[in-house]
Amino acid sequence: MLHTVLGPHAGTPQRVLDVGSADGPSVGWLTAPLKVSLDLDPRGLQPPGGVCGSVLALPFADDAFEVAGAFDVLEHCDPEEGALAELRRVLEPGGRLLMSVPAYQWAWTDHDVANGHHRRYTRPRAVAVLRDAGFDVVRATYGFAAVFPAFAAERAVRGFRHRLRRTRHNGPSDIVDVPPVGPTLERVLLGLCRWDERVLSARDLPFGSSVFLAAVKR
């Protein structure tokens, strides 16, 4: 889905910065002759393109990259303005920022606490934050609409349990467990996500558990 929504806005860059995705395959499609991965946790970084550091103080020169990816990163940053200012600084004029954030503050549970989140977003909030930071937003859409009913139900149950057991997570965890999914349910969920992908190739989705955005540095 990220590739479908954001890939057309990446172009064919020579210099890419990938922030916070060192331990995941979600941005394998975002390639370039020079691709630098930056993460706070060195365990997912691979030499020679892996740099341990913070998006709040990027160790790169101004205008160093054509494209920056920050997928499920901004919700971890406080202040969010500081992270966006740094991403804008290291992008060349006209550089593209590709990002995703989790949707809806009402979906907040202990899962967010364990993951070190500070907030969740609506599409209008995410767009406004990028515009205030000096970016022109060229696409903003929700994702994971087809599985959204299941997500909302799971978050309602999890949120109720979180209110009953507030001490379960007092802060971020080193490794956050993800509930196991059986093979049949996995096929169903992946099939629903493929429906999302087909729709997103032509139009935006009005709701979902994530927000995907592409923006250009002014």
N, C-alpha and C. Protein backbone atom coordinates (compact mmCIF):
# COMPACT_ATOMS: atom_id res chain seq x y z
N MET A 1 0.82 -1.20 0.00
CA MET A 1 0.00 0.00 0.00
C MET A 1 0.86 1.26 0.00
N LEU A 2 1.93 1.25 0.79
CA LEU A 2 2.84 2.40 0.80
C LEU A 2 3.41 2.65 -0.59
N HIS A 3 3.81 1.59 -1.26
CA HIS A 3 4.35 1.73 -2.60
C HIS A 3 3.31 2.27 -3.56
N THR A 4 2.09 1.75 -3.47
CA THR A 4 1.01 2.18 -4.36
C THR A 4 0.71 3.66 -4.18
N VAL A 5 0.64 4.12 -2.94
CA VAL A 5 0.26 5.51 -2.65
C VAL A 5 1.44 6.47 -2.85
N LEU A 6 2.61 6.10 -2.34
CA LEU A 6 3.71 7.03 -2.25
C LEU A 6 4.79 6.85 -3.31
N GLY A 7 4.86 5.64 -3.88
CA GLY A 7 5.88 5.37 -4.89
C GLY A 7 5.89 6.35 -6.06
N PRO A 8 4.70 6.72 -6.61
CA PRO A 8 4.70 7.67 -7.72
C PRO A 8 5.29 9.04 -7.37
N HIS A 9 5.32 9.38 -6.08
CA HIS A 9 5.85 10.67 -5.65
C HIS A 9 7.34 10.61 -5.32
N ALA A 10 7.90 9.41 -5.28
CA ALA A 10 9.32 9.26 -4.97
C ALA A 10 10.19 9.60 -6.17
N GLY A 11 9.68 9.32 -7.38
CA GLY A 11 10.49 9.53 -8.57
C GLY A 11 11.63 8.54 -8.65
N THR A 12 12.74 8.95 -9.21
CA THR A 12 13.94 8.10 -9.31
C THR A 12 15.11 8.83 -8.64
N PRO A 13 15.08 8.92 -7.31
CA PRO A 13 16.09 9.71 -6.60
C PRO A 13 17.45 9.03 -6.59
N GLN A 14 18.47 9.84 -6.44
CA GLN A 14 19.84 9.34 -6.28
C GLN A 14 20.23 9.24 -4.81
N ARG A 15 19.57 10.03 -3.96
CA ARG A 15 19.94 10.10 -2.54
C ARG A 15 18.67 10.03 -1.69
N VAL A 16 18.55 8.95 -0.90
CA VAL A 16 17.35 8.70 -0.09
C VAL A 16 17.75 8.53 1.37
N LEU A 17 16.97 9.13 2.25
CA LEU A 17 17.11 8.92 3.70
C LEU A 17 15.87 8.18 4.19
N ASP A 18 16.08 7.05 4.84
CA ASP A 18 14.99 6.24 5.39
C ASP A 18 15.13 6.26 6.91
N VAL A 19 14.20 6.93 7.58
CA VAL A 19 14.27 7.12 9.03
C VAL A 19 13.35 6.13 9.73
N GLY A 20 13.92 5.34 10.64
CA GLY A 20 13.12 4.53 11.54
C GLY A 20 12.59 3.23 10.99
N SER A 21 13.06 2.80 9.82
CA SER A 21 12.55 1.55 9.23
C SER A 21 13.61 0.47 9.14
N ALA A 22 14.65 0.58 9.92
CA ALA A 22 15.79 -0.33 9.77
C ALA A 22 15.42 -1.78 10.06
N ASP A 23 14.40 -2.00 10.89
CA ASP A 23 14.08 -3.39 11.27
C ASP A 23 12.88 -3.93 10.52
N GLY A 24 12.43 -3.25 9.46
CA GLY A 24 11.24 -3.71 8.76
C GLY A 24 11.39 -3.64 7.26
N PRO A 25 10.64 -4.49 6.52
CA PRO A 25 10.77 -4.54 5.07
C PRO A 25 9.80 -3.63 4.33
N SER A 26 9.08 -2.75 5.05
CA SER A 26 7.99 -2.02 4.42
C SER A 26 8.43 -1.03 3.37
N VAL A 27 9.71 -0.64 3.36
CA VAL A 27 10.18 0.34 2.38
C VAL A 27 11.30 -0.22 1.52
N GLY A 28 11.29 -1.52 1.30
CA GLY A 28 12.27 -2.10 0.39
C GLY A 28 12.14 -1.58 -1.02
N TRP A 29 10.95 -1.09 -1.36
CA TRP A 29 10.71 -0.53 -2.70
C TRP A 29 11.35 0.85 -2.88
N LEU A 30 11.72 1.50 -1.78
CA LEU A 30 12.30 2.84 -1.85
C LEU A 30 13.81 2.71 -1.99
N THR A 31 14.28 2.70 -3.22
CA THR A 31 15.69 2.42 -3.50
C THR A 31 16.36 3.63 -4.16
N ALA A 32 17.68 3.66 -4.08
CA ALA A 32 18.48 4.70 -4.70
C ALA A 32 19.94 4.27 -4.67
N PRO A 33 20.78 4.83 -5.54
CA PRO A 33 22.22 4.52 -5.47
C PRO A 33 22.81 4.80 -4.09
N LEU A 34 22.34 5.88 -3.45
CA LEU A 34 22.74 6.17 -2.07
C LEU A 34 21.49 6.14 -1.20
N LYS A 35 21.37 5.14 -0.36
CA LYS A 35 20.25 5.04 0.57
C LYS A 35 20.80 4.88 1.98
N VAL A 36 20.46 5.84 2.83
CA VAL A 36 20.93 5.84 4.22
C VAL A 36 19.75 5.52 5.13
N SER A 37 19.92 4.51 5.99
CA SER A 37 18.92 4.16 6.98
C SER A 37 19.36 4.68 8.33
N LEU A 38 18.48 5.42 9.01
CA LEU A 38 18.79 5.96 10.33
C LEU A 38 17.79 5.43 11.33
N ASP A 39 18.28 4.99 12.48
CA ASP A 39 17.40 4.47 13.52
C ASP A 39 18.05 4.69 14.88
N LEU A 40 17.19 4.89 15.90
CA LEU A 40 17.71 5.00 17.27
C LEU A 40 18.27 3.68 17.78
N ASP A 41 17.69 2.56 17.32
CA ASP A 41 18.09 1.24 17.77
C ASP A 41 19.06 0.64 16.75
N PRO A 42 20.31 0.42 17.14
CA PRO A 42 21.30 -0.07 16.18
C PRO A 42 21.08 -1.52 15.76
N ARG A 43 20.21 -2.26 16.45
CA ARG A 43 20.09 -3.69 16.18
C ARG A 43 19.55 -4.00 14.79
N GLY A 44 18.77 -3.09 14.20
CA GLY A 44 18.24 -3.36 12.87
C GLY A 44 19.06 -2.76 11.75
N LEU A 45 20.12 -2.05 12.08
CA LEU A 45 20.91 -1.35 11.07
C LEU A 45 21.92 -2.29 10.42
N GLN A 46 22.10 -2.10 9.13
CA GLN A 46 23.06 -2.91 8.38
C GLN A 46 24.10 -1.99 7.73
N PRO A 47 25.40 -2.31 7.89
CA PRO A 47 26.42 -1.52 7.22
C PRO A 47 26.35 -1.77 5.70
N PRO A 48 26.82 -0.82 4.89
CA PRO A 48 27.46 0.45 5.29
C PRO A 48 26.48 1.61 5.37
N GLY A 49 25.20 1.38 5.04
CA GLY A 49 24.26 2.48 4.97
C GLY A 49 23.46 2.73 6.22
N GLY A 50 23.83 2.12 7.34
CA GLY A 50 23.08 2.27 8.58
C GLY A 50 23.72 3.26 9.52
N VAL A 51 22.93 4.21 10.00
CA VAL A 51 23.44 5.24 10.92
C VAL A 51 22.55 5.24 12.16
N CYS A 52 23.16 5.17 13.32
CA CYS A 52 22.43 5.24 14.58
C CYS A 52 22.30 6.71 14.98
N GLY A 53 21.08 7.19 15.11
CA GLY A 53 20.87 8.58 15.45
C GLY A 53 19.41 8.90 15.59
N SER A 54 19.12 10.16 15.88
CA SER A 54 17.76 10.62 16.14
C SER A 54 17.29 11.56 15.05
N VAL A 55 16.02 11.45 14.69
CA VAL A 55 15.44 12.36 13.72
C VAL A 55 15.34 13.77 14.27
N LEU A 56 15.43 13.93 15.59
CA LEU A 56 15.40 15.26 16.19
C LEU A 56 16.73 15.99 16.06
N ALA A 57 17.78 15.27 15.66
CA ALA A 57 19.11 15.89 15.44
C ALA A 57 19.83 15.08 14.37
N LEU A 58 19.39 15.20 13.13
CA LEU A 58 19.93 14.39 12.05
C LEU A 58 21.38 14.75 11.77
N PRO A 59 22.27 13.75 11.71
CA PRO A 59 23.70 14.02 11.51
C PRO A 59 24.07 14.16 10.04
N PHE A 60 23.33 15.00 9.31
CA PHE A 60 23.56 15.18 7.89
C PHE A 60 23.54 16.67 7.55
N ALA A 61 24.18 17.01 6.44
CA ALA A 61 24.24 18.40 6.00
C ALA A 61 22.89 18.85 5.45
N ASP A 62 22.71 20.14 5.37
CA ASP A 62 21.52 20.71 4.75
C ASP A 62 21.44 20.25 3.29
N ASP A 63 20.20 20.06 2.81
CA ASP A 63 19.93 19.75 1.40
C ASP A 63 20.65 18.49 0.92
N ALA A 64 20.82 17.51 1.82
CA ALA A 64 21.63 16.34 1.48
C ALA A 64 20.87 15.27 0.71
N PHE A 65 19.52 15.26 0.79
CA PHE A 65 18.75 14.15 0.21
C PHE A 65 17.65 14.68 -0.70
N GLU A 66 17.28 13.84 -1.67
CA GLU A 66 16.16 14.15 -2.55
C GLU A 66 14.83 13.65 -1.99
N VAL A 67 14.88 12.53 -1.30
CA VAL A 67 13.68 11.91 -0.73
C VAL A 67 13.99 11.47 0.69
N ALA A 68 13.04 11.69 1.60
CA ALA A 68 13.14 11.16 2.96
C ALA A 68 11.87 10.38 3.26
N GLY A 69 12.03 9.20 3.82
CA GLY A 69 10.90 8.39 4.26
C GLY A 69 10.87 8.33 5.77
N ALA A 70 9.69 8.52 6.34
CA ALA A 70 9.53 8.44 7.81
C ALA A 70 8.22 7.71 8.07
N PHE A 71 8.29 6.39 8.13
CA PHE A 71 7.09 5.57 8.22
C PHE A 71 6.87 5.12 9.66
N ASP A 72 5.75 5.59 10.23
CA ASP A 72 5.44 5.34 11.65
C ASP A 72 6.58 5.85 12.54
N VAL A 73 6.96 7.09 12.30
CA VAL A 73 8.05 7.74 13.04
C VAL A 73 7.55 8.95 13.81
N LEU A 74 6.78 9.82 13.17
CA LEU A 74 6.45 11.12 13.75
C LEU A 74 5.71 11.00 15.08
N GLU A 75 4.90 9.95 15.23
CA GLU A 75 4.16 9.78 16.49
C GLU A 75 5.07 9.49 17.67
N HIS A 76 6.32 9.10 17.40
CA HIS A 76 7.30 8.83 18.45
C HIS A 76 8.06 10.10 18.87
N CYS A 77 7.88 11.19 18.15
CA CYS A 77 8.74 12.37 18.32
C CYS A 77 8.05 13.46 19.12
N ASP A 78 8.76 13.99 20.08
CA ASP A 78 8.27 15.10 20.88
C ASP A 78 9.43 16.09 21.06
N PRO A 79 9.35 17.27 20.43
CA PRO A 79 8.18 17.78 19.70
C PRO A 79 8.16 17.31 18.24
N GLU A 80 6.97 17.16 17.70
CA GLU A 80 6.86 16.74 16.31
C GLU A 80 7.41 17.80 15.38
N GLU A 81 7.29 19.08 15.77
CA GLU A 81 7.81 20.16 14.94
C GLU A 81 9.32 20.06 14.76
N GLY A 82 10.01 19.60 15.81
CA GLY A 82 11.46 19.45 15.73
C GLY A 82 11.86 18.40 14.72
N ALA A 83 11.14 17.29 14.70
CA ALA A 83 11.44 16.23 13.75
C ALA A 83 11.20 16.69 12.32
N LEU A 84 10.08 17.36 12.09
CA LEU A 84 9.76 17.83 10.74
C LEU A 84 10.74 18.91 10.28
N ALA A 85 11.17 19.76 11.20
CA ALA A 85 12.15 20.78 10.85
C ALA A 85 13.47 20.15 10.40
N GLU A 86 13.88 19.09 11.08
CA GLU A 86 15.11 18.41 10.71
C GLU A 86 14.97 17.70 9.36
N LEU A 87 13.82 17.04 9.14
CA LEU A 87 13.60 16.37 7.86
C LEU A 87 13.60 17.39 6.72
N ARG A 88 12.97 18.54 6.96
CA ARG A 88 12.95 19.57 5.93
C ARG A 88 14.36 20.11 5.68
N ARG A 89 15.14 20.26 6.73
CA ARG A 89 16.49 20.80 6.60
C ARG A 89 17.36 19.94 5.70
N VAL A 90 17.28 18.63 5.84
CA VAL A 90 18.18 17.74 5.08
C VAL A 90 17.66 17.43 3.69
N LEU A 91 16.44 17.87 3.37
CA LEU A 91 15.92 17.70 2.01
C LEU A 91 16.32 18.89 1.15
N GLU A 92 16.68 18.62 -0.09
CA GLU A 92 16.98 19.69 -1.02
C GLU A 92 15.70 20.44 -1.39
N PRO A 93 15.78 21.64 -1.92
CA PRO A 93 14.57 22.34 -2.38
C PRO A 93 13.79 21.49 -3.37
N GLY A 94 12.50 21.33 -3.11
CA GLY A 94 11.68 20.45 -3.93
C GLY A 94 11.77 18.99 -3.55
N GLY A 95 12.54 18.68 -2.49
CA GLY A 95 12.66 17.31 -2.03
C GLY A 95 11.35 16.78 -1.50
N ARG A 96 11.18 15.45 -1.55
CA ARG A 96 9.93 14.83 -1.19
C ARG A 96 10.03 14.10 0.16
N LEU A 97 9.01 14.32 0.99
CA LEU A 97 8.87 13.61 2.25
C LEU A 97 7.72 12.63 2.12
N LEU A 98 8.01 11.36 2.35
CA LEU A 98 7.01 10.30 2.32
C LEU A 98 6.85 9.76 3.73
N MET A 99 5.62 9.68 4.23
CA MET A 99 5.46 9.27 5.62
C MET A 99 4.13 8.59 5.87
N SER A 100 4.05 7.92 6.99
CA SER A 100 2.80 7.35 7.49
C SER A 100 2.75 7.55 8.99
N VAL A 101 1.53 7.67 9.51
CA VAL A 101 1.31 7.82 10.95
C VAL A 101 0.06 7.04 11.33
N PRO A 102 -0.06 6.62 12.59
CA PRO A 102 -1.26 5.91 13.02
C PRO A 102 -2.44 6.87 13.17
N ALA A 103 -3.63 6.35 12.93
CA ALA A 103 -4.82 7.21 12.87
C ALA A 103 -5.65 7.14 14.15
N TYR A 104 -6.26 8.29 14.47
CA TYR A 104 -7.33 8.45 15.45
C TYR A 104 -6.86 8.32 16.91
N GLN A 105 -6.99 9.41 17.62
CA GLN A 105 -6.63 9.42 19.03
C GLN A 105 -7.55 8.53 19.86
N TRP A 106 -8.80 8.36 19.39
CA TRP A 106 -9.72 7.48 20.14
C TRP A 106 -9.24 6.03 20.15
N ALA A 107 -8.33 5.68 19.23
CA ALA A 107 -7.81 4.32 19.16
C ALA A 107 -6.61 4.10 20.09
N TRP A 108 -6.30 5.09 20.92
CA TRP A 108 -5.15 4.99 21.84
C TRP A 108 -5.37 3.88 22.86
N THR A 109 -4.36 3.01 23.02
CA THR A 109 -4.41 1.94 24.02
C THR A 109 -3.02 1.74 24.61
N ASP A 110 -2.88 0.71 25.42
CA ASP A 110 -1.57 0.38 25.97
C ASP A 110 -0.57 -0.02 24.89
N HIS A 111 -1.06 -0.41 23.73
CA HIS A 111 -0.16 -0.72 22.61
C HIS A 111 0.62 0.53 22.20
N ASP A 112 -0.05 1.70 22.21
CA ASP A 112 0.63 2.96 21.90
C ASP A 112 1.65 3.31 22.98
N VAL A 113 1.27 3.09 24.23
CA VAL A 113 2.19 3.37 25.33
C VAL A 113 3.44 2.50 25.21
N ALA A 114 3.24 1.20 24.96
CA ALA A 114 4.37 0.28 24.86
C ALA A 114 5.27 0.62 23.68
N ASN A 115 4.70 1.18 22.62
CA ASN A 115 5.48 1.55 21.43
C ASN A 115 6.12 2.92 21.54
N GLY A 116 5.88 3.64 22.64
CA GLY A 116 6.49 4.95 22.81
C GLY A 116 5.85 6.04 21.99
N HIS A 117 4.55 5.91 21.71
CA HIS A 117 3.85 6.95 20.95
C HIS A 117 3.52 8.14 21.84
N HIS A 118 3.47 9.32 21.21
CA HIS A 118 3.01 10.53 21.90
C HIS A 118 1.62 10.94 21.45
N ARG A 119 1.19 10.47 20.27
CA ARG A 119 -0.09 10.91 19.72
C ARG A 119 -0.46 10.02 18.54
N ARG A 120 -1.74 10.11 18.14
CA ARG A 120 -2.21 9.55 16.88
C ARG A 120 -2.83 10.70 16.08
N TYR A 121 -3.13 10.48 14.80
CA TYR A 121 -3.46 11.57 13.89
C TYR A 121 -4.77 11.31 13.15
N THR A 122 -5.45 12.38 12.79
CA THR A 122 -6.42 12.34 11.71
C THR A 122 -5.73 12.83 10.44
N ARG A 123 -6.33 12.60 9.29
CA ARG A 123 -5.74 13.11 8.05
C ARG A 123 -5.63 14.63 8.08
N PRO A 124 -6.69 15.38 8.46
CA PRO A 124 -6.53 16.85 8.49
C PRO A 124 -5.42 17.32 9.43
N ARG A 125 -5.28 16.67 10.60
CA ARG A 125 -4.22 17.06 11.53
C ARG A 125 -2.84 16.82 10.93
N ALA A 126 -2.65 15.67 10.30
CA ALA A 126 -1.36 15.35 9.71
C ALA A 126 -1.03 16.32 8.58
N VAL A 127 -2.02 16.66 7.75
CA VAL A 127 -1.80 17.61 6.66
C VAL A 127 -1.42 18.98 7.21
N ALA A 128 -2.12 19.42 8.25
CA ALA A 128 -1.86 20.74 8.83
C ALA A 128 -0.45 20.81 9.42
N VAL A 129 -0.03 19.75 10.08
CA VAL A 129 1.31 19.73 10.68
C VAL A 129 2.39 19.86 9.60
N LEU A 130 2.21 19.15 8.49
CA LEU A 130 3.19 19.23 7.41
C LEU A 130 3.20 20.62 6.77
N ARG A 131 2.04 21.19 6.55
CA ARG A 131 1.98 22.52 5.95
C ARG A 131 2.63 23.56 6.86
N ASP A 132 2.38 23.45 8.15
CA ASP A 132 2.99 24.39 9.09
C ASP A 132 4.51 24.25 9.12
N ALA A 133 5.01 23.05 8.79
CA ALA A 133 6.45 22.80 8.83
C ALA A 133 7.14 23.20 7.53
N GLY A 134 6.39 23.71 6.55
CA GLY A 134 7.02 24.17 5.32
C GLY A 134 6.96 23.19 4.17
N PHE A 135 5.95 22.31 4.17
CA PHE A 135 5.76 21.35 3.08
C PHE A 135 4.43 21.60 2.38
N ASP A 136 4.40 21.30 1.10
CA ASP A 136 3.15 21.25 0.34
C ASP A 136 2.73 19.80 0.21
N VAL A 137 1.56 19.46 0.72
CA VAL A 137 1.09 18.08 0.71
C VAL A 137 0.48 17.78 -0.65
N VAL A 138 0.98 16.74 -1.32
CA VAL A 138 0.49 16.39 -2.65
C VAL A 138 -0.42 15.16 -2.62
N ARG A 139 -0.38 14.38 -1.57
CA ARG A 139 -1.37 13.32 -1.38
C ARG A 139 -1.46 12.98 0.10
N ALA A 140 -2.68 12.76 0.54
CA ALA A 140 -2.93 12.34 1.93
C ALA A 140 -4.16 11.46 1.94
N THR A 141 -4.02 10.25 2.42
CA THR A 141 -5.13 9.32 2.44
C THR A 141 -5.01 8.40 3.64
N TYR A 142 -6.14 7.88 4.05
CA TYR A 142 -6.14 6.81 5.04
C TYR A 142 -5.78 5.49 4.36
N GLY A 143 -5.32 4.53 5.15
CA GLY A 143 -5.05 3.19 4.68
C GLY A 143 -5.63 2.16 5.63
N PHE A 144 -5.78 0.93 5.14
CA PHE A 144 -6.33 -0.18 5.91
C PHE A 144 -7.81 0.03 6.23
N ALA A 145 -8.56 0.51 5.24
CA ALA A 145 -10.00 0.71 5.43
C ALA A 145 -10.75 -0.61 5.47
N ALA A 146 -10.35 -1.58 4.65
CA ALA A 146 -11.09 -2.84 4.57
C ALA A 146 -11.04 -3.62 5.88
N VAL A 147 -9.94 -3.50 6.61
CA VAL A 147 -9.82 -4.21 7.89
C VAL A 147 -10.19 -3.31 9.06
N PHE A 148 -10.68 -2.11 8.75
CA PHE A 148 -10.94 -1.14 9.81
C PHE A 148 -11.98 -1.61 10.83
N PRO A 149 -13.08 -2.25 10.43
CA PRO A 149 -14.03 -2.73 11.45
C PRO A 149 -13.38 -3.66 12.48
N ALA A 150 -12.52 -4.55 12.02
CA ALA A 150 -11.83 -5.44 12.95
C ALA A 150 -10.86 -4.64 13.83
N PHE A 151 -10.17 -3.66 13.24
CA PHE A 151 -9.26 -2.82 14.01
C PHE A 151 -10.02 -2.06 15.10
N ALA A 152 -11.15 -1.45 14.73
CA ALA A 152 -11.93 -0.66 15.69
C ALA A 152 -12.43 -1.54 16.83
N ALA A 153 -12.89 -2.74 16.51
CA ALA A 153 -13.37 -3.65 17.55
C ALA A 153 -12.24 -4.06 18.48
N GLU A 154 -11.08 -4.39 17.89
CA GLU A 154 -9.93 -4.80 18.72
C GLU A 154 -9.48 -3.66 19.62
N ARG A 155 -9.47 -2.43 19.09
CA ARG A 155 -9.03 -1.30 19.89
C ARG A 155 -10.05 -0.97 20.99
N ALA A 156 -11.33 -1.18 20.73
CA ALA A 156 -12.33 -0.94 21.77
C ALA A 156 -12.13 -1.91 22.93
N VAL A 157 -11.91 -3.17 22.63
CA VAL A 157 -11.68 -4.17 23.68
C VAL A 157 -10.36 -3.88 24.40
N ARG A 158 -9.33 -3.59 23.63
CA ARG A 158 -8.02 -3.33 24.23
C ARG A 158 -8.04 -2.07 25.08
N GLY A 159 -8.74 -1.04 24.61
CA GLY A 159 -8.84 0.19 25.37
C GLY A 159 -9.57 -0.01 26.69
N PHE A 160 -10.61 -0.83 26.68
CA PHE A 160 -11.34 -1.14 27.91
C PHE A 160 -10.43 -1.85 28.91
N ARG A 161 -9.66 -2.80 28.41
CA ARG A 161 -8.72 -3.51 29.29
C ARG A 161 -7.64 -2.57 29.81
N HIS A 162 -7.21 -1.65 28.96
CA HIS A 162 -6.18 -0.69 29.37
C HIS A 162 -6.68 0.19 30.51
N ARG A 163 -7.93 0.62 30.43
CA ARG A 163 -8.50 1.45 31.50
C ARG A 163 -8.63 0.67 32.80
N LEU A 164 -8.89 -0.64 32.69
CA LEU A 164 -8.99 -1.46 33.89
C LEU A 164 -7.63 -1.75 34.50
N ARG A 165 -6.59 -1.82 33.65
CA ARG A 165 -5.24 -2.20 34.11
C ARG A 165 -4.24 -1.15 33.65
N ARG A 166 -4.31 0.03 34.25
CA ARG A 166 -3.48 1.15 33.81
C ARG A 166 -2.00 0.93 34.05
N THR A 167 -1.66 0.04 34.95
CA THR A 167 -0.25 -0.16 35.27
C THR A 167 0.43 -1.18 34.37
N ARG A 168 -0.32 -1.73 33.42
CA ARG A 168 0.28 -2.77 32.58
C ARG A 168 1.49 -2.25 31.81
N HIS A 169 1.36 -1.06 31.22
CA HIS A 169 2.49 -0.44 30.51
C HIS A 169 2.65 0.98 31.02
N ASN A 170 3.70 1.22 31.78
CA ASN A 170 3.97 2.56 32.27
C ASN A 170 4.84 3.37 31.32
N GLY A 171 5.37 2.72 30.30
CA GLY A 171 6.24 3.40 29.36
C GLY A 171 6.60 2.47 28.22
N PRO A 172 7.46 2.92 27.31
CA PRO A 172 7.82 2.11 26.15
C PRO A 172 8.48 0.79 26.54
N SER A 173 8.22 -0.24 25.74
CA SER A 173 8.84 -1.54 25.92
C SER A 173 9.94 -1.71 24.89
N ASP A 174 10.93 -2.53 25.23
CA ASP A 174 12.03 -2.78 24.31
C ASP A 174 11.53 -3.52 23.07
N ILE A 175 10.74 -4.56 23.28
CA ILE A 175 10.15 -5.33 22.19
C ILE A 175 8.66 -5.47 22.48
N VAL A 176 7.82 -5.08 21.52
CA VAL A 176 6.38 -5.12 21.69
C VAL A 176 5.83 -6.36 21.00
N ASP A 177 5.13 -7.19 21.75
CA ASP A 177 4.55 -8.39 21.18
C ASP A 177 3.35 -8.05 20.30
N VAL A 178 3.26 -8.75 19.19
CA VAL A 178 2.11 -8.61 18.28
C VAL A 178 1.29 -9.89 18.39
N PRO A 179 -0.03 -9.78 18.58
CA PRO A 179 -0.85 -10.99 18.72
C PRO A 179 -0.70 -11.91 17.51
N PRO A 180 -0.53 -13.22 17.74
CA PRO A 180 -0.40 -14.15 16.61
C PRO A 180 -1.71 -14.27 15.84
N VAL A 181 -1.59 -14.49 14.55
CA VAL A 181 -2.74 -14.63 13.66
C VAL A 181 -2.64 -15.97 12.94
N GLY A 182 -3.71 -16.75 12.96
CA GLY A 182 -3.72 -18.04 12.28
C GLY A 182 -3.67 -17.88 10.77
N PRO A 183 -3.30 -18.96 10.05
CA PRO A 183 -3.12 -18.86 8.60
C PRO A 183 -4.40 -18.49 7.85
N THR A 184 -5.54 -18.97 8.31
CA THR A 184 -6.79 -18.64 7.62
C THR A 184 -7.12 -17.16 7.76
N LEU A 185 -7.04 -16.67 9.00
CA LEU A 185 -7.31 -15.25 9.23
C LEU A 185 -6.29 -14.38 8.51
N GLU A 186 -5.04 -14.84 8.47
CA GLU A 186 -4.02 -14.09 7.77
C GLU A 186 -4.37 -13.93 6.29
N ARG A 187 -4.83 -15.00 5.65
CA ARG A 187 -5.21 -14.92 4.24
C ARG A 187 -6.37 -13.95 4.04
N VAL A 188 -7.33 -13.96 4.96
CA VAL A 188 -8.48 -13.07 4.86
C VAL A 188 -8.01 -11.61 4.98
N LEU A 189 -7.18 -11.34 5.97
CA LEU A 189 -6.72 -9.96 6.20
C LEU A 189 -5.88 -9.46 5.02
N LEU A 190 -5.00 -10.31 4.50
CA LEU A 190 -4.18 -9.91 3.37
C LEU A 190 -5.04 -9.68 2.13
N GLY A 191 -6.09 -10.48 1.97
CA GLY A 191 -6.99 -10.27 0.85
C GLY A 191 -7.71 -8.93 0.95
N LEU A 192 -8.12 -8.57 2.15
CA LEU A 192 -8.76 -7.28 2.35
C LEU A 192 -7.78 -6.13 2.09
N CYS A 193 -6.54 -6.31 2.49
CA CYS A 193 -5.54 -5.27 2.24
C CYS A 193 -5.26 -5.12 0.75
N ARG A 194 -5.32 -6.21 0.01
CA ARG A 194 -5.15 -6.10 -1.45
C ARG A 194 -6.30 -5.32 -2.07
N TRP A 195 -7.50 -5.43 -1.50
CA TRP A 195 -8.61 -4.60 -1.97
C TRP A 195 -8.28 -3.13 -1.74
N ASP A 196 -7.79 -2.80 -0.56
CA ASP A 196 -7.35 -1.42 -0.28
C ASP A 196 -6.35 -0.95 -1.33
N GLU A 197 -5.38 -1.81 -1.64
CA GLU A 197 -4.33 -1.42 -2.58
C GLU A 197 -4.92 -1.10 -3.95
N ARG A 198 -5.88 -1.89 -4.40
CA ARG A 198 -6.50 -1.63 -5.70
C ARG A 198 -7.23 -0.29 -5.69
N VAL A 199 -7.96 0.00 -4.62
CA VAL A 199 -8.68 1.26 -4.53
C VAL A 199 -7.71 2.43 -4.47
N LEU A 200 -6.65 2.29 -3.69
CA LEU A 200 -5.70 3.38 -3.50
C LEU A 200 -4.94 3.71 -4.78
N SER A 201 -4.88 2.80 -5.72
CA SER A 201 -4.22 3.09 -6.99
C SER A 201 -4.99 4.13 -7.79
N ALA A 202 -6.28 4.35 -7.42
CA ALA A 202 -7.10 5.29 -8.18
C ALA A 202 -7.68 6.43 -7.36
N ARG A 203 -7.86 6.20 -6.05
CA ARG A 203 -8.51 7.24 -5.23
C ARG A 203 -8.11 7.07 -3.77
N ASP A 204 -8.42 8.10 -2.98
CA ASP A 204 -8.14 8.07 -1.55
C ASP A 204 -9.23 7.31 -0.80
N LEU A 205 -8.88 6.85 0.38
CA LEU A 205 -9.83 6.18 1.27
C LEU A 205 -10.28 7.15 2.35
N PRO A 206 -11.55 7.12 2.74
CA PRO A 206 -12.09 8.11 3.68
C PRO A 206 -11.81 7.79 5.15
N PHE A 207 -11.35 6.60 5.45
CA PHE A 207 -11.04 6.23 6.83
C PHE A 207 -10.07 5.06 6.80
N GLY A 208 -9.49 4.74 7.96
CA GLY A 208 -8.54 3.64 8.07
C GLY A 208 -7.70 3.81 9.31
N SER A 209 -6.86 2.83 9.59
CA SER A 209 -6.08 2.86 10.83
C SER A 209 -4.74 3.58 10.68
N SER A 210 -4.37 3.97 9.45
CA SER A 210 -3.14 4.72 9.21
C SER A 210 -3.43 5.87 8.24
N VAL A 211 -2.54 6.86 8.27
CA VAL A 211 -2.58 7.96 7.30
C VAL A 211 -1.28 7.93 6.53
N PHE A 212 -1.38 7.94 5.20
CA PHE A 212 -0.22 7.98 4.31
C PHE A 212 -0.15 9.36 3.68
N LEU A 213 1.05 9.96 3.64
CA LEU A 213 1.19 11.30 3.10
C LEU A 213 2.46 11.42 2.24
N ALA A 214 2.33 12.20 1.18
CA ALA A 214 3.47 12.63 0.37
C ALA A 214 3.47 14.13 0.31
N ALA A 215 4.64 14.74 0.56
CA ALA A 215 4.74 16.19 0.61
C ALA A 215 6.04 16.65 -0.03
N VAL A 216 6.05 17.90 -0.46
CA VAL A 216 7.20 18.49 -1.14
C VAL A 216 7.69 19.69 -0.34
N LYS A 217 9.01 19.79 -0.16
CA LYS A 217 9.60 20.91 0.57
C LYS A 217 9.42 22.20 -0.22
N ARG A 218 8.84 23.20 0.45
CA ARG A 218 8.70 24.51 -0.17
C ARG A 218 10.05 25.25 -0.15
